[in-house]
Amino acid sequence: MAEQTSTPSSREVAHSGVSDDNPLKSDRGTTSIADAVVSKVAGIATREVGGVHNLGGGVSRALGSVTQRVGIGDERSQGVAVEVGEREAAVDLTVVIEYGESVPQVSQAIRDNVIKRIEGITGLKVTEVNVAVNDLYFPGDDIQEPEPARVS
């Protein structure tokens, strides 16, 4: 017995009101997505990839640390720059990779995950994901030696 697949009729597709060329437009309105939303999705997706230690350059991380302490920063979008249009988004990332990891492999894994997450969550098509590796993290880098006393 042949298996039957169910495909929507042309009437059902037309009635859904969603445009095939732009999933964010329908006959009942449009959806716009702020840059901050795409930035947060990209930042979280990047951190999900093994081998990524952190996002942002040294100055960005230091400034981000200060702004987070006073409650105005958001680490999820640190090291992330995006351009968002009506249908597409482009992403620039600055990352710190863990020492011993393959930079090309981690970079490709970042691209794949960022594209999958942004397209899945927002419906925007990602045109490019540029990855700038700013630093390598070595285990023990974040252990700070106490400063010697200036006077005894």
C-alpha atoms as a PDB file:
ATOM      1  CA  MET A   1       0.000   0.000   0.000  1.00  0.00           C
ATOM      2  CA  ALA A   2       1.445   3.358  -1.037  1.00  0.00           C
ATOM      3  CA  GLU A   3       1.957   5.900   1.701  1.00  0.00           C
ATOM      4  CA  GLN A   4       0.080   9.134   1.151  1.00  0.00           C
ATOM      5  CA  THR A   5       1.695  12.393   2.066  1.00  0.00           C
ATOM      6  CA  SER A   6      -0.372  15.319   3.068  1.00  0.00           C
ATOM      7  CA  THR A   7       0.428  18.534   1.267  1.00  0.00           C
ATOM      8  CA  PRO A   8      -1.541  21.694   1.865  1.00  0.00           C
ATOM      9  CA  SER A   9      -3.894  22.715  -0.884  1.00  0.00           C
ATOM     10  CA  SER A  10      -3.279  25.990  -2.711  1.00  0.00           C
ATOM     11  CA  ARG A  11      -6.261  27.422  -0.846  1.00  0.00           C
ATOM     12  CA  GLU A  12      -4.669  26.563   2.528  1.00  0.00           C
ATOM     13  CA  VAL A  13      -1.332  28.085   1.504  1.00  0.00           C
ATOM     14  CA  ALA A  14      -2.964  31.257   0.228  1.00  0.00           C
ATOM     15  CA  HIS A  15      -5.102  31.494   3.348  1.00  0.00           C
ATOM     16  CA  SER A  16      -2.093  31.328   5.680  1.00  0.00           C
ATOM     17  CA  GLY A  17      -1.264  34.873   4.568  1.00  0.00           C
ATOM     18  CA  VAL A  18       2.500  34.413   4.896  1.00  0.00           C
ATOM     19  CA  SER A  19       4.577  35.549   1.952  1.00  0.00           C
ATOM     20  CA  ASP A  20       6.898  32.874   0.578  1.00  0.00           C
ATOM     21  CA  ASP A  21       9.649  35.407  -0.151  1.00  0.00           C
ATOM     22  CA  ASN A  22       9.441  37.102   3.268  1.00  0.00           C
ATOM     23  CA  PRO A  23       8.251  35.122   6.295  1.00  0.00           C
ATOM     24  CA  LEU A  24       8.030  38.345   8.318  1.00  0.00           C
ATOM     25  CA  LYS A  25       5.265  39.807   6.117  1.00  0.00           C
ATOM     26  CA  SER A  26       1.711  38.620   5.829  1.00  0.00           C
ATOM     27  CA  ASP A  27      -1.576  40.014   4.636  1.00  0.00           C
ATOM     28  CA  ARG A  28      -2.304  40.873   8.284  1.00  0.00           C
ATOM     29  CA  GLY A  29       0.859  42.855   9.018  1.00  0.00           C
ATOM     30  CA  THR A  30       4.623  42.821   9.228  1.00  0.00           C
ATOM     31  CA  THR A  31       7.120  41.837  11.879  1.00  0.00           C
ATOM     32  CA  SER A  32      10.266  43.854  12.426  1.00  0.00           C
ATOM     33  CA  ILE A  33      13.207  42.588  14.449  1.00  0.00           C
ATOM     34  CA  ALA A  34      15.531  44.947  16.308  1.00  0.00           C
ATOM     35  CA  ASP A  35      19.307  44.722  15.964  1.00  0.00           C
ATOM     36  CA  ALA A  36      19.544  43.991  19.709  1.00  0.00           C
ATOM     37  CA  VAL A  37      17.481  40.822  19.292  1.00  0.00           C
ATOM     38  CA  VAL A  38      19.739  39.494  16.536  1.00  0.00           C
ATOM     39  CA  SER A  39      22.830  40.500  18.551  1.00  0.00           C
ATOM     40  CA  LYS A  40      21.671  38.540  21.582  1.00  0.00           C
ATOM     41  CA  VAL A  41      20.810  35.462  19.525  1.00  0.00           C
ATOM     42  CA  ALA A  42      24.220  35.610  17.810  1.00  0.00           C
ATOM     43  CA  GLY A  43      26.050  36.056  21.122  1.00  0.00           C
ATOM     44  CA  ILE A  44      24.275  33.158  22.799  1.00  0.00           C
ATOM     45  CA  ALA A  45      24.721  30.919  19.740  1.00  0.00           C
ATOM     46  CA  THR A  46      28.446  31.709  19.672  1.00  0.00           C
ATOM     47  CA  ARG A  47      28.878  30.841  23.343  1.00  0.00           C
ATOM     48  CA  GLU A  48      27.174  27.475  22.719  1.00  0.00           C
ATOM     49  CA  VAL A  49      30.111  26.382  20.538  1.00  0.00           C
ATOM     50  CA  GLY A  50      32.857  24.347  22.180  1.00  0.00           C
ATOM     51  CA  GLY A  51      36.252  26.036  22.116  1.00  0.00           C
ATOM     52  CA  VAL A  52      34.846  29.565  22.494  1.00  0.00           C
ATOM     53  CA  HIS A  53      36.095  31.070  25.734  1.00  0.00           C
ATOM     54  CA  ASN A  54      34.609  34.543  25.448  1.00  0.00           C
ATOM     55  CA  LEU A  55      33.406  37.240  23.075  1.00  0.00           C
ATOM     56  CA  GLY A  56      34.836  40.698  22.532  1.00  0.00           C
ATOM     57  CA  GLY A  57      38.274  42.232  22.448  1.00  0.00           C
ATOM     58  CA  GLY A  58      40.268  43.118  25.540  1.00  0.00           C
ATOM     59  CA  VAL A  59      38.929  46.677  25.760  1.00  0.00           C
ATOM     60  CA  SER A  60      35.395  45.511  24.995  1.00  0.00           C
ATOM     61  CA  ARG A  61      35.557  42.862  27.731  1.00  0.00           C
ATOM     62  CA  ALA A  62      36.932  45.336  30.292  1.00  0.00           C
ATOM     63  CA  LEU A  63      34.333  47.961  29.430  1.00  0.00           C
ATOM     64  CA  GLY A  64      31.602  45.313  29.399  1.00  0.00           C
ATOM     65  CA  SER A  65      32.626  44.168  32.870  1.00  0.00           C
ATOM     66  CA  VAL A  66      32.306  47.713  34.231  1.00  0.00           C
ATOM     67  CA  THR A  67      28.953  48.412  32.552  1.00  0.00           C
ATOM     68  CA  GLN A  68      27.517  45.090  33.748  1.00  0.00           C
ATOM     69  CA  ARG A  69      28.437  45.941  37.349  1.00  0.00           C
ATOM     70  CA  VAL A  70      26.442  49.160  37.168  1.00  0.00           C
ATOM     71  CA  GLY A  71      23.556  47.372  35.477  1.00  0.00           C
ATOM     72  CA  ILE A  72      23.663  48.831  31.964  1.00  0.00           C
ATOM     73  CA  GLY A  73      25.599  46.207  30.051  1.00  0.00           C
ATOM     74  CA  ASP A  74      24.533  42.916  28.512  1.00  0.00           C
ATOM     75  CA  GLU A  75      27.271  40.326  28.049  1.00  0.00           C
ATOM     76  CA  ARG A  76      25.147  38.400  25.549  1.00  0.00           C
ATOM     77  CA  SER A  77      25.775  40.995  22.854  1.00  0.00           C
ATOM     78  CA  GLN A  78      29.374  41.857  23.783  1.00  0.00           C
ATOM     79  CA  GLY A  79      31.710  41.274  20.833  1.00  0.00           C
ATOM     80  CA  VAL A  80      28.771  41.159  18.408  1.00  0.00           C
ATOM     81  CA  ALA A  81      27.929  43.644  15.665  1.00  0.00           C
ATOM     82  CA  VAL A  82      24.971  43.120  13.334  1.00  0.00           C
ATOM     83  CA  GLU A  83      23.289  44.734  10.383  1.00  0.00           C
ATOM     84  CA  VAL A  84      19.624  43.855  10.114  1.00  0.00           C
ATOM     85  CA  GLY A  85      17.425  44.545   7.123  1.00  0.00           C
ATOM     86  CA  GLU A  86      13.839  43.571   6.331  1.00  0.00           C
ATOM     87  CA  ARG A  87      14.781  40.044   5.263  1.00  0.00           C
ATOM     88  CA  GLU A  88      18.479  39.571   5.941  1.00  0.00           C
ATOM     89  CA  ALA A  89      21.108  39.954   8.632  1.00  0.00           C
ATOM     90  CA  ALA A  90      24.898  40.074   8.619  1.00  0.00           C
ATOM     91  CA  VAL A  91      26.945  39.344  11.735  1.00  0.00           C
ATOM     92  CA  ASP A  92      30.466  40.292  12.829  1.00  0.00           C
ATOM     93  CA  LEU A  93      31.886  38.506  15.880  1.00  0.00           C
ATOM     94  CA  THR A  94      35.039  39.049  17.914  1.00  0.00           C
ATOM     95  CA  VAL A  95      35.957  35.932  19.895  1.00  0.00           C
ATOM     96  CA  VAL A  96      38.556  34.486  22.231  1.00  0.00           C
ATOM     97  CA  ILE A  97      39.319  30.837  21.430  1.00  0.00           C
ATOM     98  CA  GLU A  98      40.645  28.317  23.943  1.00  0.00           C
ATOM     99  CA  TYR A  99      44.263  27.333  23.364  1.00  0.00           C
ATOM    100  CA  GLY A 100      44.609  23.983  21.604  1.00  0.00           C
ATOM    101  CA  GLU A 101      41.415  24.321  19.587  1.00  0.00           C
ATOM    102  CA  SER A 102      41.457  24.514  15.799  1.00  0.00           C
ATOM    103  CA  VAL A 103      40.652  28.098  14.867  1.00  0.00           C
ATOM    104  CA  PRO A 104      39.197  27.170  11.432  1.00  0.00           C
ATOM    105  CA  GLN A 105      37.023  24.404  12.915  1.00  0.00           C
ATOM    106  CA  VAL A 106      35.734  26.545  15.793  1.00  0.00           C
ATOM    107  CA  SER A 107      35.088  29.445  13.398  1.00  0.00           C
ATOM    108  CA  GLN A 108      33.056  27.205  11.075  1.00  0.00           C
ATOM    109  CA  ALA A 109      31.123  25.748  14.019  1.00  0.00           C
ATOM    110  CA  ILE A 110      30.347  29.312  15.148  1.00  0.00           C
ATOM    111  CA  ARG A 111      29.109  30.237  11.652  1.00  0.00           C
ATOM    112  CA  ASP A 112      26.930  27.139  11.408  1.00  0.00           C
ATOM    113  CA  ASN A 113      25.360  27.605  14.848  1.00  0.00           C
ATOM    114  CA  VAL A 114      24.816  31.363  14.505  1.00  0.00           C
ATOM    115  CA  ILE A 115      23.137  30.928  11.105  1.00  0.00           C
ATOM    116  CA  LYS A 116      20.949  28.077  12.382  1.00  0.00           C
ATOM    117  CA  ARG A 117      19.841  29.992  15.491  1.00  0.00           C
ATOM    118  CA  ILE A 118      19.213  33.376  13.838  1.00  0.00           C
ATOM    119  CA  GLU A 119      17.337  31.901  10.882  1.00  0.00           C
ATOM    120  CA  GLY A 120      15.335  29.559  13.126  1.00  0.00           C
ATOM    121  CA  ILE A 121      14.410  32.153  15.753  1.00  0.00           C
ATOM    122  CA  THR A 122      13.937  35.278  13.650  1.00  0.00           C
ATOM    123  CA  GLY A 123      13.137  34.067  10.131  1.00  0.00           C
ATOM    124  CA  LEU A 124      15.835  36.374   8.757  1.00  0.00           C
ATOM    125  CA  LYS A 125      18.279  34.993   6.171  1.00  0.00           C
ATOM    126  CA  VAL A 126      21.868  35.321   7.363  1.00  0.00           C
ATOM    127  CA  THR A 127      24.045  36.556   4.511  1.00  0.00           C
ATOM    128  CA  GLU A 128      27.393  36.311   6.311  1.00  0.00           C
ATOM    129  CA  VAL A 129      29.015  35.627   9.662  1.00  0.00           C
ATOM    130  CA  ASN A 130      32.499  37.105  10.004  1.00  0.00           C
ATOM    131  CA  VAL A 131      34.614  35.786  12.865  1.00  0.00           C
ATOM    132  CA  ALA A 132      37.602  37.761  14.170  1.00  0.00           C
ATOM    133  CA  VAL A 133      39.736  35.749  16.586  1.00  0.00           C
ATOM    134  CA  ASN A 134      41.093  38.391  18.928  1.00  0.00           C
ATOM    135  CA  ASP A 135      42.927  36.286  21.496  1.00  0.00           C
ATOM    136  CA  LEU A 136      43.689  32.796  22.781  1.00  0.00           C
ATOM    137  CA  TYR A 137      42.711  31.730  26.274  1.00  0.00           C
ATOM    138  CA  PHE A 138      45.256  29.716  28.228  1.00  0.00           C
ATOM    139  CA  PRO A 139      44.124  27.868  31.369  1.00  0.00           C
ATOM    140  CA  GLY A 140      45.138  29.974  34.342  1.00  0.00           C
ATOM    141  CA  ASP A 141      44.974  33.290  32.453  1.00  0.00           C
ATOM    142  CA  ASP A 142      42.203  34.544  34.723  1.00  0.00           C
ATOM    143  CA  ILE A 143      44.081  33.786  37.958  1.00  0.00           C
ATOM    144  CA  GLN A 144      45.468  37.091  39.112  1.00  0.00           C
ATOM    145  CA  GLU A 145      48.516  37.320  41.325  1.00  0.00           C
ATOM    146  CA  PRO A 146      48.027  39.555  44.342  1.00  0.00           C
ATOM    147  CA  GLU A 147      49.917  42.813  44.014  1.00  0.00           C
ATOM    148  CA  PRO A 148      52.776  43.190  46.456  1.00  0.00           C
ATOM    149  CA  ALA A 149      52.312  45.776  49.190  1.00  0.00           C
ATOM    150  CA  ARG A 150      53.814  49.127  48.328  1.00  0.00           C
ATOM    151  CA  VAL A 151      54.846  49.725  51.933  1.00  0.00           C
ATOM    152  CA  SER A 152      55.794  47.327  54.673  1.00  0.00           C
END
